[in-house]
Amino acid sequence: MSRWLQSGRRRDLCALLYEAGTLRGQKLKTTLERHYDVRLDPQSFYGTLDALVDRGLIERETQGIHDVYRLTDAGVEGVESHFAWLSARVDGHSDTARNCDSGE
């Protein structure tokens, strides 16, 4: 994927959905708040989810009174591509990582 998410919150939400499959909006918010030990503004949080829906990376479905979210195929591809890119840097298997180590 040539252009992935630059927002860490958006990437984190996609990663949580990748792991879980589907989650209610409130469960996503609570999981992220616990991970970072911070309270997220609900309006900002749900605005982030709306932006991911608008970009076609996640889908929203209403189940009863709850909104449930899941990754689209494009979202899955984005998470997997970003994971591969990040893993290469952490493992030191990329030319970029070697160039940084050598001072280039």
Protein backbone atom coordinates (compact mmCIF):
# COMPACT_ATOMS: atom_id res chain seq x y z
CA MET A 1 0.00 0.00 0.00
CA SER A 2 1.63 3.18 -1.13
CA ARG A 3 0.11 5.46 1.47
CA TRP A 4 -0.74 4.20 4.91
CA LEU A 5 -1.92 6.04 7.97
CA GLN A 6 0.29 8.73 9.44
CA SER A 7 -1.80 8.96 12.61
CA GLY A 8 -0.67 6.62 15.38
CA ARG A 9 -4.18 6.48 16.84
CA ARG A 10 -5.60 5.36 13.50
CA ARG A 11 -2.90 2.71 13.10
CA ASP A 12 -3.51 1.50 16.67
CA LEU A 13 -7.24 1.17 16.08
CA CYS A 14 -6.64 -0.81 12.92
CA ALA A 15 -4.19 -3.07 14.78
CA LEU A 16 -6.74 -3.71 17.54
CA LEU A 17 -9.38 -4.62 14.97
CA TYR A 18 -6.90 -6.83 13.12
CA GLU A 19 -6.35 -8.78 16.33
CA ALA A 20 -9.99 -8.93 17.47
CA GLY A 21 -11.90 -9.16 14.20
CA THR A 22 -14.81 -7.03 15.40
CA LEU A 23 -15.22 -4.75 18.40
CA ARG A 24 -17.81 -2.33 19.69
CA GLY A 25 -16.77 1.30 19.60
CA GLN A 26 -16.73 1.59 23.39
CA LYS A 27 -14.53 -1.51 23.74
CA LEU A 28 -12.07 -0.05 21.21
CA LYS A 29 -11.96 3.21 23.15
CA THR A 30 -11.49 1.48 26.51
CA THR A 31 -8.74 -0.79 25.16
CA LEU A 32 -6.80 2.15 23.75
CA GLU A 33 -7.26 4.20 26.92
CA ARG A 34 -5.94 1.36 29.06
CA HIS A 35 -2.95 0.81 26.78
CA TYR A 36 -1.87 4.45 26.93
CA ASP A 37 -3.21 5.11 30.45
CA VAL A 38 -5.03 8.22 29.25
CA ARG A 39 -8.64 9.31 28.81
CA LEU A 40 -9.65 9.91 25.20
CA ASP A 41 -12.15 12.62 24.33
CA PRO A 42 -15.20 10.74 22.98
CA GLN A 43 -15.86 13.26 20.20
CA SER A 44 -12.27 13.06 18.99
CA PHE A 45 -12.19 9.27 19.29
CA TYR A 46 -15.38 8.69 17.32
CA GLY A 47 -14.23 11.29 14.78
CA THR A 48 -11.17 9.12 14.25
CA LEU A 49 -13.37 6.06 13.69
CA ASP A 50 -15.51 8.04 11.23
CA ALA A 51 -12.37 9.06 9.31
CA LEU A 52 -11.31 5.40 9.05
CA VAL A 53 -14.77 4.48 7.78
CA ASP A 54 -14.63 7.33 5.24
CA ARG A 55 -11.23 6.08 3.99
CA GLY A 56 -12.62 2.59 3.52
CA LEU A 57 -10.28 0.99 6.05
CA ILE A 58 -12.94 -0.09 8.54
CA GLU A 59 -16.64 -0.86 8.33
CA ARG A 60 -19.29 0.11 10.85
CA GLU A 61 -22.33 -2.05 11.47
CA THR A 62 -25.12 -1.40 13.95
CA GLN A 63 -25.99 -4.34 16.17
CA GLY A 64 -28.88 -3.41 18.41
CA ILE A 65 -27.90 -0.12 20.00
CA HIS A 66 -24.15 -0.60 19.48
CA ASP A 67 -21.86 0.26 16.58
CA VAL A 68 -19.49 -2.60 15.79
CA TYR A 69 -16.33 -2.08 13.74
CA ARG A 70 -14.22 -4.40 11.58
CA LEU A 71 -11.38 -3.97 9.12
CA THR A 72 -12.06 -4.00 5.41
CA ASP A 73 -9.74 -5.85 3.03
CA ALA A 74 -7.90 -2.56 2.48
CA GLY A 75 -7.51 -2.17 6.24
CA VAL A 76 -6.11 -5.69 6.60
CA GLU A 77 -3.67 -5.04 3.76
CA GLY A 78 -2.57 -1.78 5.38
CA VAL A 79 -1.93 -3.37 8.79
CA GLU A 80 0.02 -6.27 7.28
CA SER A 81 2.07 -3.98 5.05
CA HIS A 82 2.89 -1.64 7.93
CA PHE A 83 3.80 -4.58 10.16
CA ALA A 84 6.23 -5.88 7.53
CA TRP A 85 7.79 -2.43 7.11
CA LEU A 86 8.14 -1.89 10.87
CA SER A 87 9.42 -5.42 11.49
CA ALA A 88 12.16 -4.93 8.92
CA ARG A 89 13.35 -1.87 10.78
CA VAL A 90 13.18 -3.42 14.23
CA ASP A 91 14.93 -6.57 13.05
CA GLY A 92 17.53 -4.51 11.17
CA HIS A 93 16.86 -6.19 7.83
CA SER A 94 16.32 -3.10 5.73
CA ASP A 95 18.78 -0.94 3.84
CA THR A 96 17.34 2.09 5.64
CA ALA A 97 18.12 0.62 9.05
CA ARG A 98 21.68 -0.24 8.03
CA ASN A 99 22.20 3.22 6.56
CA CYS A 100 21.04 4.84 9.81
CA ASP A 101 23.47 2.72 11.81
CA SER A 102 26.39 3.65 9.61
CA GLY A 103 25.66 7.37 9.83
CA GLU A 104 24.57 7.71 6.20
